[in-house]
């Protein structure tokens, strides 16, 4: 890490709301853009499939990441994984090429490994980077109820705070990469909980209990389950809040991170196997589709 920082940041007297480029308008990226537009920010959008960005009906839509970033002050990215992040930032017409003097807020669940390279290239271009992955579904983001896990230099986090505060509750969790690592802990916990709930819901029903009574108890133990009642109790896994294929990607990243750190998380390793198996058949469905294994595999009494 360098000891001399020559890249400028806004002064404390800056009063004009920053113009924000949003890179990636999938489920979460579109929710971020909607929330920022509702908060009064001026937006430029880019998405690999242009029509998805145009369908939001907000801001302007650019043909390339570089074009979206060019006239902005702050860049927010919400992309599908490390490969997409690398291509969007560092590929032809990538965002970094227009990064001088700008703050990049990387909100994807892409793991921490890509961040050192990203930070180096953004720094060389004269910009700054924080990682700020999101806890919560797109519905929570649109309601301003998401949690944002922020890692980075304290001065860069201070620059990002007023923008992130419009999205939800902001928690500073350490230097660059800390948010990305903690997000993998969070999504591992989500996988463990949903799998346990699916297993115990079916087990309780097979033991002669009423489905609503079983779920009432499970939800009391883990309130995050309420949003996924339809999948766990009724075996209905659409609309997709969080696709199985995306959870599989996150668990691959998490198990890799934990393994390199010398941790041994057997529950999460098993969750990874179960999620991967379910994703082979139901990858586009919500993560509650893991319940199909138990509903199809458990014998009738």
Protein backbone atom coordinates (compact mmCIF):
# COMPACT_ATOMS: atom_id res chain seq x y z
CA UNK A 1 0.00 0.00 0.00
CA UNK A 2 1.36 3.43 -0.91
CA UNK A 3 1.82 6.04 1.78
CA UNK A 4 1.26 9.07 -0.47
CA UNK A 5 -2.26 9.61 -1.82
CA UNK A 6 -2.27 11.99 -4.77
CA UNK A 7 -5.78 11.24 -6.03
CA UNK A 8 -8.24 14.00 -5.10
CA UNK A 9 -11.52 13.56 -3.24
CA UNK A 10 -14.40 16.02 -2.95
CA UNK A 11 -13.88 18.73 -0.36
CA UNK A 12 -16.18 18.97 2.65
CA UNK A 13 -17.74 22.09 1.12
CA UNK A 14 -19.06 20.24 -1.92
CA UNK A 15 -22.86 20.64 -1.98
CA UNK A 16 -23.87 19.50 -5.47
CA UNK A 17 -25.33 16.00 -5.51
CA UNK A 18 -22.98 13.68 -7.38
CA UNK A 19 -23.96 12.20 -10.71
CA UNK A 20 -23.91 8.43 -10.41
CA UNK A 21 -23.17 5.78 -13.01
CA UNK A 22 -24.83 2.43 -12.28
CA UNK A 23 -23.17 -0.51 -14.02
CA UNK A 24 -25.43 -3.56 -14.13
CA UNK A 25 -29.23 -3.37 -14.00
CA UNK A 26 -30.18 -6.91 -13.11
CA UNK A 27 -32.48 -7.61 -10.17
CA UNK A 28 -30.33 -5.86 -7.58
CA UNK A 29 -28.76 -3.25 -9.84
CA UNK A 30 -32.17 -2.09 -11.03
CA UNK A 31 -33.34 -1.85 -7.40
CA UNK A 32 -30.27 0.26 -6.56
CA UNK A 33 -30.96 2.53 -9.54
CA UNK A 34 -34.63 2.90 -8.61
CA UNK A 35 -33.75 3.78 -5.03
CA UNK A 36 -31.13 6.35 -6.05
CA UNK A 37 -33.48 7.95 -8.59
CA UNK A 38 -36.18 8.21 -5.91
CA UNK A 39 -33.61 9.93 -3.67
CA UNK A 40 -33.03 12.56 -6.35
CA UNK A 41 -29.68 11.49 -7.79
CA UNK A 42 -28.94 11.97 -11.48
CA UNK A 43 -28.08 8.62 -13.08
CA UNK A 44 -26.36 7.15 -16.09
CA UNK A 45 -27.01 3.43 -16.61
CA UNK A 46 -25.20 0.66 -18.41
CA UNK A 47 -26.15 -2.98 -18.76
CA UNK A 48 -24.75 -5.67 -21.02
CA UNK A 49 -28.28 -6.08 -22.40
CA UNK A 50 -29.16 -2.47 -23.11
CA UNK A 51 -32.92 -3.10 -23.15
CA UNK A 52 -32.92 -4.02 -19.46
CA UNK A 53 -31.47 -0.63 -18.56
CA UNK A 54 -33.86 1.19 -20.89
CA UNK A 55 -36.84 -0.61 -19.38
CA UNK A 56 -36.26 1.15 -16.04
CA UNK A 57 -37.21 4.48 -17.58
CA UNK A 58 -34.80 6.49 -15.45
CA UNK A 59 -31.60 8.39 -16.16
CA UNK A 60 -29.70 8.03 -19.39
CA UNK A 61 -28.50 4.74 -20.88
CA UNK A 62 -24.97 4.36 -22.23
CA UNK A 63 -23.60 1.89 -24.76
CA UNK A 64 -20.42 1.07 -22.80
CA UNK A 65 -19.25 1.18 -19.18
CA UNK A 66 -16.76 3.92 -20.09
CA UNK A 67 -19.52 6.05 -21.61
CA UNK A 68 -21.68 5.68 -18.49
CA UNK A 69 -18.80 6.67 -16.23
CA UNK A 70 -17.44 9.54 -18.34
CA UNK A 71 -19.60 12.38 -17.02
CA UNK A 72 -20.23 10.92 -13.56
CA UNK A 73 -18.68 11.48 -10.15
CA UNK A 74 -19.42 8.13 -8.50
CA UNK A 75 -19.69 4.66 -10.06
CA UNK A 76 -21.76 1.85 -8.55
CA UNK A 77 -21.47 -1.67 -9.94
CA UNK A 78 -23.84 -4.56 -9.27
CA UNK A 79 -22.77 -7.46 -11.47
CA UNK A 80 -23.10 -11.24 -11.55
CA UNK A 81 -19.63 -12.30 -10.40
CA UNK A 82 -15.88 -11.76 -10.67
CA UNK A 83 -15.72 -12.39 -14.43
CA UNK A 84 -18.40 -9.80 -15.09
CA UNK A 85 -16.70 -7.32 -12.78
CA UNK A 86 -13.36 -7.81 -14.51
CA UNK A 87 -14.88 -7.40 -17.98
CA UNK A 88 -16.92 -4.33 -17.01
CA UNK A 89 -14.05 -2.52 -15.32
CA UNK A 90 -11.01 -3.67 -17.28
CA UNK A 91 -12.27 -4.85 -20.67
CA UNK A 92 -12.54 -2.83 -23.89
CA UNK A 93 -14.33 0.48 -23.14
CA UNK A 94 -14.17 -0.53 -19.47
CA UNK A 95 -15.12 1.75 -16.61
CA UNK A 96 -11.54 2.23 -15.36
CA UNK A 97 -10.56 4.06 -18.56
CA UNK A 98 -12.69 7.01 -17.39
CA UNK A 99 -11.86 6.65 -13.69
CA UNK A 100 -9.80 9.76 -12.97
CA UNK A 101 -11.01 11.50 -9.81
CA UNK A 102 -13.97 9.17 -9.35
CA UNK A 103 -15.16 6.91 -6.58
CA UNK A 104 -16.05 3.32 -7.50
CA UNK A 105 -18.45 1.48 -5.19
CA UNK A 106 -18.33 -2.23 -6.03
CA UNK A 107 -21.53 -3.85 -4.71
CA UNK A 108 -21.46 -7.22 -6.51
CA UNK A 109 -21.05 -10.54 -4.71
CA UNK A 110 -17.80 -11.27 -6.48
CA UNK A 111 -15.52 -12.26 -3.60
CA UNK A 112 -12.44 -10.39 -2.38
CA UNK A 113 -9.83 -11.86 -4.74
CA UNK A 114 -10.50 -9.49 -7.61
CA UNK A 115 -10.31 -6.34 -5.49
CA UNK A 116 -6.50 -5.86 -5.26
CA UNK A 117 -6.17 -5.82 -9.06
CA UNK A 118 -9.20 -3.57 -9.36
CA UNK A 119 -7.87 -1.17 -6.73
CA UNK A 120 -4.46 -1.02 -8.41
CA UNK A 121 -5.90 -0.25 -11.84
CA UNK A 122 -8.41 2.27 -10.51
CA UNK A 123 -5.69 3.94 -8.44
CA UNK A 124 -3.39 4.13 -11.45
CA UNK A 125 -6.20 5.84 -13.35
CA UNK A 126 -6.62 8.38 -10.55
CA UNK A 127 -9.74 6.94 -8.92
CA UNK A 128 -10.74 5.33 -5.61
CA UNK A 129 -12.47 2.06 -4.70
CA UNK A 130 -14.60 0.74 -1.86
CA UNK A 131 -16.39 -2.59 -1.70
CA UNK A 132 -19.96 -2.43 -0.47
CA UNK A 133 -21.96 -5.65 -0.99
CA UNK A 134 -25.61 -5.72 -0.03
CA UNK A 135 -27.55 -7.77 2.50
CA UNK A 136 -31.20 -8.03 1.57
CA UNK A 137 -33.44 -8.75 -1.38
CA UNK A 138 -34.20 -6.22 -4.14
CA UNK A 139 -37.50 -5.49 -2.40
CA UNK A 140 -35.57 -4.44 0.71
CA UNK A 141 -33.30 -2.25 -1.40
CA UNK A 142 -36.25 -0.46 -2.99
CA UNK A 143 -37.69 0.15 0.48
CA UNK A 144 -34.40 1.54 1.78
CA UNK A 145 -34.09 -1.37 4.21
CA UNK A 146 -31.01 -3.14 2.87
CA UNK A 147 -27.78 -3.41 4.86
CA UNK A 148 -24.55 -2.30 3.19
CA UNK A 149 -21.21 -3.84 4.28
CA UNK A 150 -18.49 -1.35 3.42
CA UNK A 151 -14.75 -1.93 3.24
CA UNK A 152 -12.09 0.55 2.20
CA UNK A 153 -10.02 3.58 3.12
CA UNK A 154 -11.79 5.72 5.73
CA UNK A 155 -11.67 8.81 3.51
CA UNK A 156 -13.19 6.92 0.58
CA UNK A 157 -15.87 5.47 2.85
CA UNK A 158 -16.67 9.00 4.02
CA UNK A 159 -17.13 9.98 0.38
CA UNK A 160 -19.43 7.00 -0.20
CA UNK A 161 -21.51 7.29 2.98
CA UNK A 162 -24.06 9.93 1.87
CA UNK A 163 -24.86 7.89 -1.23
CA UNK A 164 -25.02 4.53 0.52
CA UNK A 165 -27.19 5.98 3.30
CA UNK A 166 -29.90 6.49 0.67
CA UNK A 167 -29.91 2.72 0.09
CA UNK A 168 -30.16 1.44 3.66
CA UNK A 169 -28.17 0.86 6.83
CA UNK A 170 -24.42 1.27 6.34
CA UNK A 171 -21.89 -0.71 8.38
CA UNK A 172 -18.16 -0.08 8.08
CA UNK A 173 -16.43 -3.44 8.43
CA UNK A 174 -12.74 -2.78 7.79
CA UNK A 175 -10.25 -2.21 4.97
CA UNK A 176 -10.89 -2.94 1.32
CA UNK A 177 -12.14 -6.50 0.83
CA UNK A 178 -13.74 -6.79 4.27
CA UNK A 179 -17.23 -6.21 2.89
CA UNK A 180 -16.73 -8.86 0.21
CA UNK A 181 -15.52 -11.43 2.75
CA UNK A 182 -18.35 -10.72 5.17
CA UNK A 183 -20.92 -11.01 2.39
CA UNK A 184 -19.69 -14.55 1.71
CA UNK A 185 -20.17 -15.35 5.41
CA UNK A 186 -23.70 -13.95 5.18
CA UNK A 187 -24.67 -15.91 2.07
CA UNK A 188 -23.19 -19.09 3.54
CA UNK A 189 -25.41 -18.57 6.57
CA UNK A 190 -28.40 -18.03 4.29
CA UNK A 191 -27.70 -21.30 2.48
CA UNK A 192 -27.28 -23.22 5.74
CA UNK A 193 -30.52 -21.81 7.17
CA UNK A 194 -32.66 -22.35 4.06
CA UNK A 195 -31.44 -25.92 3.66
CA UNK A 196 -32.11 -26.70 7.32
CA UNK A 197 -35.56 -25.13 7.07
CA UNK A 198 -36.47 -27.10 3.95
CA UNK A 199 -35.29 -30.34 5.55
CA UNK A 200 -37.09 -29.76 8.85
CA UNK A 201 -40.29 -28.48 7.25
CA UNK A 202 -40.70 -31.73 5.36
CA UNK A 203 -39.53 -33.82 8.31
CA UNK A 204 -42.08 -32.15 10.59
CA UNK A 205 -44.90 -32.70 8.12
CA UNK A 206 -43.92 -36.36 7.71
CA UNK A 207 -44.02 -36.67 11.49
CA UNK A 208 -47.70 -35.73 11.41
CA UNK A 209 -47.52 -31.99 12.14
CA UNK A 210 -49.48 -29.30 10.33
CA UNK A 211 -47.36 -27.42 7.74
CA UNK A 212 -48.32 -24.01 9.12
CA UNK A 213 -47.33 -25.04 12.64
CA UNK A 214 -43.95 -26.33 11.50
CA UNK A 215 -43.18 -23.17 9.57
CA UNK A 216 -44.37 -20.96 12.43
CA UNK A 217 -41.72 -22.51 14.65
CA UNK A 218 -38.99 -22.36 11.99
CA UNK A 219 -39.78 -18.72 11.29
CA UNK A 220 -39.61 -17.92 14.99
CA UNK A 221 -36.12 -19.41 15.08
CA UNK A 222 -34.97 -17.70 11.86
CA UNK A 223 -37.14 -14.70 10.89
CA UNK A 224 -35.40 -14.33 7.53
CA UNK A 225 -37.48 -17.32 6.39
CA UNK A 226 -40.74 -15.33 6.26
CA UNK A 227 -39.98 -14.00 2.78
CA UNK A 228 -39.54 -17.58 1.54
CA UNK A 229 -42.62 -19.21 3.00
CA UNK A 230 -44.11 -20.06 -0.41
CA UNK A 231 -41.06 -22.05 -1.41
CA UNK A 232 -40.51 -23.89 1.86
CA UNK A 233 -44.13 -24.70 2.70
CA UNK A 234 -45.91 -24.74 -0.67
CA UNK A 235 -43.06 -25.81 -2.97
CA UNK A 236 -43.57 -22.71 -5.15
CA UNK A 237 -40.24 -21.15 -6.05
CA UNK A 238 -41.19 -18.22 -8.24
CA UNK A 239 -40.83 -15.30 -8.42
CA UNK A 240 -37.11 -15.72 -7.95
CA UNK A 241 -35.72 -13.52 -5.18
CA UNK A 242 -32.26 -15.10 -5.29
CA UNK A 243 -31.49 -17.67 -7.96
CA UNK A 244 -29.99 -21.03 -7.04
CA UNK A 245 -27.26 -20.62 -9.67
CA UNK A 246 -26.16 -17.38 -7.99
CA UNK A 247 -26.09 -19.00 -4.55
CA UNK A 248 -24.01 -21.83 -6.00
CA UNK A 249 -21.51 -19.25 -7.27
CA UNK A 250 -21.40 -17.54 -3.88
CA UNK A 251 -20.81 -20.82 -2.04
CA UNK A 252 -17.97 -21.68 -4.42
CA UNK A 253 -16.38 -18.34 -3.57
CA UNK A 254 -17.03 -18.79 0.15
CA UNK A 255 -15.66 -22.30 0.46
CA UNK A 256 -12.58 -21.23 -1.48
CA UNK A 257 -12.06 -18.24 0.84
CA UNK A 258 -12.55 -20.27 4.01
CA UNK A 259 -10.27 -23.04 2.79
CA UNK A 260 -7.43 -20.63 2.04
CA UNK A 261 -7.88 -19.17 5.52
CA UNK A 262 -7.51 -22.61 7.12
CA UNK A 263 -11.15 -22.72 8.27
CA UNK A 264 -13.14 -25.96 8.20
CA UNK A 265 -16.89 -25.26 7.67
CA UNK A 266 -18.39 -28.74 7.12
CA UNK A 267 -22.00 -27.53 7.16
CA UNK A 268 -21.30 -24.96 4.47
CA UNK A 269 -19.31 -27.47 2.41
CA UNK A 270 -22.30 -29.82 2.51
CA UNK A 271 -24.63 -26.93 1.69
CA UNK A 272 -22.48 -26.21 -1.34
CA UNK A 273 -22.90 -29.82 -2.56
CA UNK A 274 -26.67 -29.75 -2.05
CA UNK A 275 -27.11 -26.35 -3.69
CA UNK A 276 -24.94 -27.37 -6.65
CA UNK A 277 -27.02 -30.51 -7.18
CA UNK A 278 -30.28 -28.55 -7.05
CA UNK A 279 -28.92 -25.81 -9.31
CA UNK A 280 -28.20 -28.34 -12.06
CA UNK A 281 -31.97 -28.78 -12.49
CA UNK A 282 -33.51 -25.63 -11.01
CA UNK A 283 -30.80 -23.00 -11.38
CA UNK A 284 -33.11 -20.16 -12.40
CA UNK A 285 -35.55 -20.75 -9.54
CA UNK A 286 -35.35 -19.25 -6.08
CA UNK A 287 -32.99 -20.80 -3.53
CA UNK A 288 -35.99 -22.41 -1.84
CA UNK A 289 -35.98 -24.90 -4.73
CA UNK A 290 -33.59 -26.93 -2.56
CA UNK A 291 -36.81 -28.08 -0.87
CA UNK A 292 -37.66 -30.13 -3.96
CA UNK A 293 -35.08 -32.73 -2.91
CA UNK A 294 -36.82 -33.28 0.40
CA UNK A 295 -40.35 -33.24 -0.98
CA UNK A 296 -39.46 -35.68 -3.75
CA UNK A 297 -37.09 -37.83 -1.76
CA UNK A 298 -38.87 -38.28 1.56
CA UNK A 299 -41.03 -41.44 1.66
CA UNK A 300 -44.68 -41.17 2.58
CA UNK A 301 -45.56 -42.53 6.03
